[in-house]
């Protein structure tokens, strides 16, 4: 990469000598292209990526490890926040870095890119499938006796709900703009706060109370607690996408700080509230402990349906962009212009259909 001190761009050196020009995709530009997403909209996307489904399992994690295991939540939050800053530092160092696999390439070469790309996309793909399965299970628990019949074909309730949720989610993955996607993210963030408020109301006003003492430490449950706490902060594959979408990328560290602070406080609050309410009887999803005949409980249960839908498109976006870049690098001229938008929709639709198939099976 040739330094260009006279045209306003900073002098930038590649992380590995002679690597940038040869290894990064031809779709990448020699200088960073700022996005169009504002600071606050990026905060909503970041909060949505970090918060959500994990808030249902942190009470079970605390019940598994005991009160002292809550320290591990803050340790994991600090470590993952620092690694998020490292991602930003890598992307600040070289404007050719546009994705997680690019970091893997500049660190370990072609094998690093392949390994990071496969593991990252597989993780996000499986998480998206998990969202569909979770939605199907939750809807089936709410409407246990419902079946679907289409052209004489009877589809079971759980499988039918997976198909319906997939069709509902499909339009959200067509949004190829992180600024617009932030509005969906805002609904997911709001749902998390409503869920937390519903739990507080259930404990304070629905006769449950906060009388359970719990255990101080359970060493046998520490591995379970660590794994569930870690799951709450597994949004790192999305961070490069958030970074590149920002209008002012220098403020990304502040976005990370706000997102990690808010999410960690909400996780800790939910864990403490639910553990005081149910003690060692906390189930894997805390909403399963709530009495179904109370309004606050119904609000909490129905609110849990919003989070996976709001997070789905954000989790799938890195996979879609990786597929788009691969198509564009192989057929750059043919895909230039209006036709590329149709391919974006085809990729989104194909991914969604494949995930519905996995969720049904």
Protein backbone atom coordinates (compact mmCIF):
# COMPACT_ATOMS: atom_id res chain seq x y z
CA UNK A 1 0.00 0.00 0.00
CA UNK A 2 1.47 3.32 -1.00
CA UNK A 3 1.33 6.09 1.58
CA UNK A 4 -0.40 9.23 0.35
CA UNK A 5 0.43 12.05 2.74
CA UNK A 6 -0.51 14.83 0.33
CA UNK A 7 -4.16 14.07 -0.35
CA UNK A 8 -5.56 14.14 3.15
CA UNK A 9 -5.34 10.40 3.86
CA UNK A 10 -3.15 9.17 6.72
CA UNK A 11 -0.05 7.13 6.03
CA UNK A 12 -1.12 3.56 6.68
CA UNK A 13 1.09 0.49 6.94
CA UNK A 14 -0.27 -3.05 6.52
CA UNK A 15 -0.25 -5.38 9.49
CA UNK A 16 1.71 -7.92 7.47
CA UNK A 17 4.19 -6.66 4.92
CA UNK A 18 3.03 -7.12 1.35
CA UNK A 19 -0.23 -8.75 2.32
CA UNK A 20 -2.93 -6.11 1.90
CA UNK A 21 -2.70 -5.65 -1.82
CA UNK A 22 -2.70 -9.36 -2.63
CA UNK A 23 -4.99 -10.88 -0.07
CA UNK A 24 -7.98 -8.69 0.50
CA UNK A 25 -10.90 -8.94 -1.87
CA UNK A 26 -10.90 -6.72 -4.90
CA UNK A 27 -14.20 -5.31 -3.72
CA UNK A 28 -12.39 -3.52 -0.91
CA UNK A 29 -11.17 -0.01 -1.46
CA UNK A 30 -7.81 1.38 -0.55
CA UNK A 31 -9.35 3.80 1.92
CA UNK A 32 -12.12 3.40 4.45
CA UNK A 33 -15.54 4.41 3.23
CA UNK A 34 -17.61 5.86 6.09
CA UNK A 35 -21.13 4.55 6.49
CA UNK A 36 -24.33 6.48 6.97
CA UNK A 37 -25.49 5.22 10.38
CA UNK A 38 -25.51 7.74 13.20
CA UNK A 39 -24.01 7.25 16.65
CA UNK A 40 -27.33 6.57 18.38
CA UNK A 41 -28.59 4.21 15.69
CA UNK A 42 -25.35 2.24 15.96
CA UNK A 43 -25.91 2.09 19.71
CA UNK A 44 -29.33 0.52 19.11
CA UNK A 45 -27.81 -2.03 16.74
CA UNK A 46 -25.06 -2.81 19.24
CA UNK A 47 -27.48 -3.14 22.14
CA UNK A 48 -29.69 -5.43 20.08
CA UNK A 49 -26.68 -7.58 19.14
CA UNK A 50 -25.58 -7.96 22.77
CA UNK A 51 -28.93 -8.09 24.55
CA UNK A 52 -31.91 -10.28 23.91
CA UNK A 53 -32.18 -14.04 24.33
CA UNK A 54 -29.33 -14.23 26.85
CA UNK A 55 -31.34 -12.25 29.39
CA UNK A 56 -33.65 -15.26 29.81
CA UNK A 57 -30.81 -17.59 30.83
CA UNK A 58 -28.67 -15.44 33.17
CA UNK A 59 -30.88 -16.23 36.20
CA UNK A 60 -30.28 -19.94 35.60
CA UNK A 61 -26.55 -19.24 35.29
CA UNK A 62 -26.57 -17.44 38.65
CA UNK A 63 -28.58 -20.24 40.25
CA UNK A 64 -26.08 -22.79 38.89
CA UNK A 65 -22.96 -21.04 40.21
CA UNK A 66 -24.25 -19.18 43.25
CA UNK A 67 -24.03 -15.52 44.19
CA UNK A 68 -20.26 -15.31 43.80
CA UNK A 69 -20.52 -16.47 40.19
CA UNK A 70 -21.96 -13.04 39.42
CA UNK A 71 -18.35 -11.81 39.56
CA UNK A 72 -17.68 -13.93 36.48
CA UNK A 73 -20.36 -12.01 34.58
CA UNK A 74 -18.46 -8.77 35.11
CA UNK A 75 -15.12 -10.42 34.31
CA UNK A 76 -16.45 -11.83 31.03
CA UNK A 77 -18.08 -8.49 30.21
CA UNK A 78 -14.75 -6.70 30.75
CA UNK A 79 -12.80 -9.19 28.65
CA UNK A 80 -15.26 -9.15 25.77
CA UNK A 81 -15.40 -5.34 25.87
CA UNK A 82 -11.61 -5.25 25.59
CA UNK A 83 -11.62 -7.68 22.67
CA UNK A 84 -14.23 -5.47 21.01
CA UNK A 85 -11.80 -2.56 21.34
CA UNK A 86 -9.09 -4.74 19.79
CA UNK A 87 -11.34 -5.32 16.77
CA UNK A 88 -11.76 -1.57 16.42
CA UNK A 89 -7.99 -1.05 16.74
CA UNK A 90 -7.35 -3.55 13.96
CA UNK A 91 -9.86 -1.84 11.68
CA UNK A 92 -8.47 1.61 12.53
CA UNK A 93 -4.96 0.43 11.68
CA UNK A 94 -5.76 -0.59 8.11
CA UNK A 95 -8.77 0.67 6.13
CA UNK A 96 -8.72 -2.47 3.96
CA UNK A 97 -10.10 -4.43 6.92
CA UNK A 98 -13.86 -4.57 6.42
CA UNK A 99 -14.83 -7.84 8.09
CA UNK A 100 -13.79 -10.42 10.67
CA UNK A 101 -12.19 -12.74 8.06
CA UNK A 102 -10.01 -9.81 6.93
CA UNK A 103 -8.56 -9.65 10.45
CA UNK A 104 -7.94 -13.39 10.32
CA UNK A 105 -6.16 -12.99 6.98
CA UNK A 106 -3.89 -10.18 8.11
CA UNK A 107 -2.99 -12.14 11.25
CA UNK A 108 -2.56 -15.67 9.88
CA UNK A 109 -2.79 -15.50 6.08
CA UNK A 110 -5.16 -17.44 3.84
CA UNK A 111 -5.63 -20.25 6.36
CA UNK A 112 -6.58 -17.69 8.99
CA UNK A 113 -9.14 -16.15 6.68
CA UNK A 114 -10.66 -19.54 5.84
CA UNK A 115 -10.81 -20.64 9.48
CA UNK A 116 -12.34 -17.38 10.74
CA UNK A 117 -14.80 -17.19 7.84
CA UNK A 118 -16.04 -20.76 8.32
CA UNK A 119 -16.35 -20.58 12.10
CA UNK A 120 -17.93 -17.11 12.13
CA UNK A 121 -20.51 -17.82 9.44
CA UNK A 122 -21.31 -21.24 10.88
CA UNK A 123 -21.83 -19.72 14.33
CA UNK A 124 -24.14 -17.01 13.02
CA UNK A 125 -26.01 -19.51 10.85
CA UNK A 126 -26.62 -21.83 13.81
CA UNK A 127 -27.64 -18.92 16.04
CA UNK A 128 -30.20 -17.86 13.43
CA UNK A 129 -31.55 -21.43 13.30
CA UNK A 130 -31.74 -21.38 17.09
CA UNK A 131 -33.86 -18.23 16.95
CA UNK A 132 -36.37 -19.94 14.64
CA UNK A 133 -36.52 -23.03 16.86
CA UNK A 134 -36.91 -20.87 19.98
CA UNK A 135 -39.77 -18.92 18.41
CA UNK A 136 -41.46 -22.12 17.24
CA UNK A 137 -41.20 -23.69 20.71
CA UNK A 138 -42.47 -20.59 22.50
CA UNK A 139 -45.46 -20.21 20.17
CA UNK A 140 -46.21 -23.93 20.46
CA UNK A 141 -46.22 -23.61 24.27
CA UNK A 142 -48.64 -20.69 24.04
CA UNK A 143 -50.89 -22.43 21.47
CA UNK A 144 -50.27 -26.15 22.15
CA UNK A 145 -53.24 -27.58 20.24
CA UNK A 146 -52.82 -25.71 16.97
CA UNK A 147 -52.03 -27.52 13.71
CA UNK A 148 -51.84 -26.24 10.16
CA UNK A 149 -53.28 -27.73 6.98
CA UNK A 150 -52.05 -26.52 3.58
CA UNK A 151 -53.39 -28.18 0.41
CA UNK A 152 -54.28 -31.31 2.35
CA UNK A 153 -50.87 -31.48 4.04
CA UNK A 154 -51.07 -31.37 7.83
CA UNK A 155 -48.15 -29.59 9.50
CA UNK A 156 -47.56 -29.96 13.23
CA UNK A 157 -47.88 -26.93 15.46
CA UNK A 158 -44.18 -26.48 16.23
CA UNK A 159 -43.06 -26.94 12.61
CA UNK A 160 -45.87 -24.71 11.37
CA UNK A 161 -44.87 -21.94 13.75
CA UNK A 162 -41.25 -22.17 12.56
CA UNK A 163 -42.44 -21.65 8.97
CA UNK A 164 -44.67 -18.72 9.94
CA UNK A 165 -41.90 -17.03 11.94
CA UNK A 166 -39.48 -17.52 9.05
CA UNK A 167 -41.91 -15.84 6.67
CA UNK A 168 -42.44 -12.97 9.11
CA UNK A 169 -38.70 -12.47 9.56
CA UNK A 170 -37.91 -12.67 5.83
CA UNK A 171 -38.69 -8.99 5.01
CA UNK A 172 -36.30 -7.83 7.75
CA UNK A 173 -33.33 -9.56 6.12
CA UNK A 174 -33.98 -7.66 2.90
CA UNK A 175 -32.97 -4.44 4.65
CA UNK A 176 -29.48 -3.76 3.31
CA UNK A 177 -29.10 -0.61 5.39
CA UNK A 178 -27.95 -0.63 9.01
CA UNK A 179 -29.56 2.76 9.58
CA UNK A 180 -33.01 1.37 8.74
CA UNK A 181 -32.27 -1.84 10.60
CA UNK A 182 -31.64 0.21 13.75
CA UNK A 183 -35.40 0.78 14.09
CA UNK A 184 -35.94 -2.97 14.32
CA UNK A 185 -33.05 -3.13 16.78
CA UNK A 186 -34.74 -0.45 18.88
CA UNK A 187 -37.81 -2.68 19.19
CA UNK A 188 -35.60 -5.51 20.44
CA UNK A 189 -33.91 -3.25 23.00
CA UNK A 190 -37.30 -1.99 24.17
CA UNK A 191 -38.51 -5.58 24.50
CA UNK A 192 -35.57 -6.40 26.80
CA UNK A 193 -36.41 -3.49 29.10
CA UNK A 194 -40.12 -4.43 29.09
CA UNK A 195 -39.16 -7.99 30.05
CA UNK A 196 -37.04 -6.70 32.93
CA UNK A 197 -39.85 -4.41 34.12
CA UNK A 198 -42.36 -7.28 33.87
CA UNK A 199 -40.17 -9.46 36.07
CA UNK A 200 -39.93 -6.67 38.64
CA UNK A 201 -43.71 -6.23 38.64
CA UNK A 202 -44.27 -9.98 38.94
CA UNK A 203 -42.06 -10.12 42.01
CA UNK A 204 -43.37 -6.96 43.65
CA UNK A 205 -47.11 -7.09 42.92
CA UNK A 206 -48.09 -10.65 41.93
CA UNK A 207 -47.37 -12.32 45.25
CA UNK A 208 -44.04 -13.93 44.35
CA UNK A 209 -41.80 -11.68 46.43
CA UNK A 210 -38.02 -11.57 46.77
CA UNK A 211 -37.51 -13.95 49.69
CA UNK A 212 -35.19 -16.64 48.31
CA UNK A 213 -31.65 -16.61 49.75
CA UNK A 214 -29.88 -18.90 47.30
CA UNK A 215 -26.38 -20.34 47.75
CA UNK A 216 -23.14 -18.40 48.01
CA UNK A 217 -21.08 -20.64 45.71
CA UNK A 218 -21.64 -23.89 43.83
CA UNK A 219 -18.39 -25.03 42.25
CA UNK A 220 -20.08 -27.79 40.25
CA UNK A 221 -22.25 -25.23 38.51
CA UNK A 222 -19.44 -22.82 37.59
CA UNK A 223 -18.89 -24.31 34.08
CA UNK A 224 -22.59 -23.87 33.31
CA UNK A 225 -22.52 -20.32 34.62
CA UNK A 226 -19.43 -19.41 32.59
CA UNK A 227 -20.87 -20.83 29.37
CA UNK A 228 -24.19 -19.01 29.78
CA UNK A 229 -22.51 -15.74 30.75
CA UNK A 230 -20.25 -16.03 27.71
CA UNK A 231 -23.25 -16.63 25.46
CA UNK A 232 -24.58 -13.21 26.49
CA UNK A 233 -21.57 -11.51 24.87
CA UNK A 234 -21.19 -13.46 21.62
CA UNK A 235 -21.91 -10.52 19.29
CA UNK A 236 -18.31 -9.96 18.14
CA UNK A 237 -18.87 -11.23 14.57
CA UNK A 238 -21.31 -8.34 14.12
CA UNK A 239 -18.93 -5.64 15.39
CA UNK A 240 -17.05 -5.13 12.09
CA UNK A 241 -20.38 -4.64 10.32
CA UNK A 242 -21.43 -2.06 12.91
CA UNK A 243 -18.07 -0.32 12.63
CA UNK A 244 -18.15 -0.02 8.85
CA UNK A 245 -21.75 1.22 8.93
CA UNK A 246 -20.95 4.18 11.20
CA UNK A 247 -20.79 7.71 9.87
CA UNK A 248 -18.14 8.64 12.46
CA UNK A 249 -16.12 5.50 13.09
CA UNK A 250 -13.89 7.21 15.67
CA UNK A 251 -16.80 7.04 18.13
CA UNK A 252 -17.15 3.26 17.90
CA UNK A 253 -15.34 2.79 21.23
CA UNK A 254 -18.03 4.92 22.90
CA UNK A 255 -20.69 2.78 21.23
CA UNK A 256 -19.06 -0.33 22.69
CA UNK A 257 -18.82 1.24 26.14
CA UNK A 258 -22.49 2.23 26.19
CA UNK A 259 -23.65 -1.14 24.85
CA UNK A 260 -21.60 -3.22 27.29
CA UNK A 261 -22.53 -1.06 30.28
CA UNK A 262 -26.27 -1.11 29.56
CA UNK A 263 -26.37 -4.82 28.73
CA UNK A 264 -24.26 -5.86 31.72
CA UNK A 265 -26.46 -3.85 34.09
CA UNK A 266 -29.62 -5.37 32.59
CA UNK A 267 -28.16 -8.90 32.72
CA UNK A 268 -27.08 -8.51 36.34
CA UNK A 269 -30.42 -6.97 37.32
CA UNK A 270 -32.41 -9.79 35.72
CA UNK A 271 -30.18 -12.43 37.32
CA UNK A 272 -30.48 -10.93 40.81
CA UNK A 273 -34.23 -10.30 40.57
CA UNK A 274 -35.07 -13.79 39.33
CA UNK A 275 -32.72 -15.52 41.78
CA UNK A 276 -34.31 -13.63 44.68
CA UNK A 277 -37.74 -14.59 43.34
CA UNK A 278 -37.24 -18.30 42.59
CA UNK A 279 -33.91 -19.32 44.14
CA UNK A 280 -32.57 -22.70 43.06
CA UNK A 281 -35.87 -23.46 41.29
CA UNK A 282 -35.05 -21.08 38.43
CA UNK A 283 -35.54 -22.86 35.11
CA UNK A 284 -33.40 -22.57 31.98
CA UNK A 285 -35.74 -19.84 30.68
CA UNK A 286 -36.90 -17.69 33.57
CA UNK A 287 -40.28 -17.05 31.93
CA UNK A 288 -41.14 -20.72 32.56
CA UNK A 289 -41.24 -19.92 36.31
CA UNK A 290 -43.83 -17.18 35.91
CA UNK A 291 -47.50 -17.86 36.74
CA UNK A 292 -49.43 -17.80 33.48
CA UNK A 293 -52.57 -16.22 34.96
CA UNK A 294 -50.98 -12.85 35.78
CA UNK A 295 -50.88 -9.87 33.41
CA UNK A 296 -47.21 -9.10 34.08
CA UNK A 297 -46.31 -12.72 33.35
CA UNK A 298 -48.23 -12.68 30.07
CA UNK A 299 -46.48 -9.45 29.07
CA UNK A 300 -43.10 -11.03 29.82
CA UNK A 301 -43.89 -14.23 27.91
CA UNK A 302 -45.19 -12.43 24.83
CA UNK A 303 -42.30 -9.96 24.92
CA UNK A 304 -39.80 -12.81 24.63
CA UNK A 305 -41.18 -13.42 21.14
CA UNK A 306 -39.89 -10.04 19.97
CA UNK A 307 -36.18 -10.46 20.74
CA UNK A 308 -35.32 -13.30 18.32
CA UNK A 309 -37.23 -11.58 15.50
CA UNK A 310 -35.42 -8.29 16.16
CA UNK A 311 -31.99 -9.95 16.35
CA UNK A 312 -32.35 -12.28 13.38
CA UNK A 313 -31.54 -9.82 10.58
CA UNK A 314 -28.60 -8.37 12.51
CA UNK A 315 -27.06 -11.81 12.98
CA UNK A 316 -27.56 -12.76 9.34
CA UNK A 317 -26.15 -9.52 7.87
CA UNK A 318 -22.44 -10.57 8.06
CA UNK A 319 -23.26 -13.84 6.26
CA UNK A 320 -25.17 -12.02 3.53
CA UNK A 321 -22.41 -9.48 3.02
CA UNK A 322 -19.78 -12.21 2.83
CA UNK A 323 -21.83 -13.98 0.15
CA UNK A 324 -22.36 -10.72 -1.72
CA UNK A 325 -18.63 -9.96 -1.69
CA UNK A 326 -17.87 -13.43 -3.00
CA UNK A 327 -20.35 -13.02 -5.85
CA UNK A 328 -19.07 -9.55 -6.57
CA UNK A 329 -15.42 -10.62 -6.64
CA UNK A 330 -16.17 -13.43 -9.12
CA UNK A 331 -18.59 -11.51 -11.34
CA UNK A 332 -17.75 -7.89 -10.67
CA UNK A 333 -18.87 -6.54 -14.02
CA UNK A 334 -22.01 -8.61 -14.34
CA UNK A 335 -23.18 -7.72 -10.86
CA UNK A 336 -22.56 -3.99 -11.19
CA UNK A 337 -25.69 -1.88 -11.26
CA UNK A 338 -29.27 -2.69 -10.43
CA UNK A 339 -28.93 -6.45 -10.74
CA UNK A 340 -26.91 -6.65 -7.55
CA UNK A 341 -29.89 -5.70 -5.43
CA UNK A 342 -31.84 -8.69 -6.76
CA UNK A 343 -28.95 -10.99 -5.89
CA UNK A 344 -28.96 -9.55 -2.37
CA UNK A 345 -32.64 -10.50 -2.04
CA UNK A 346 -31.99 -13.96 -3.51
CA UNK A 347 -29.17 -14.61 -1.03
CA UNK A 348 -31.34 -13.47 1.90
CA UNK A 349 -34.27 -15.59 0.78
CA UNK A 350 -32.13 -18.66 0.19
CA UNK A 351 -30.52 -18.41 3.61
CA UNK A 352 -33.87 -17.93 5.32
CA UNK A 353 -35.41 -20.95 3.56
CA UNK A 354 -32.45 -23.16 4.47
CA UNK A 355 -32.71 -22.12 8.12
CA UNK A 356 -36.43 -22.82 8.15
CA UNK A 357 -35.67 -26.29 6.83
CA UNK A 358 -33.13 -26.90 9.59
CA UNK A 359 -35.51 -25.53 12.22
CA UNK A 360 -38.35 -27.78 11.07
CA UNK A 361 -36.16 -30.86 11.10
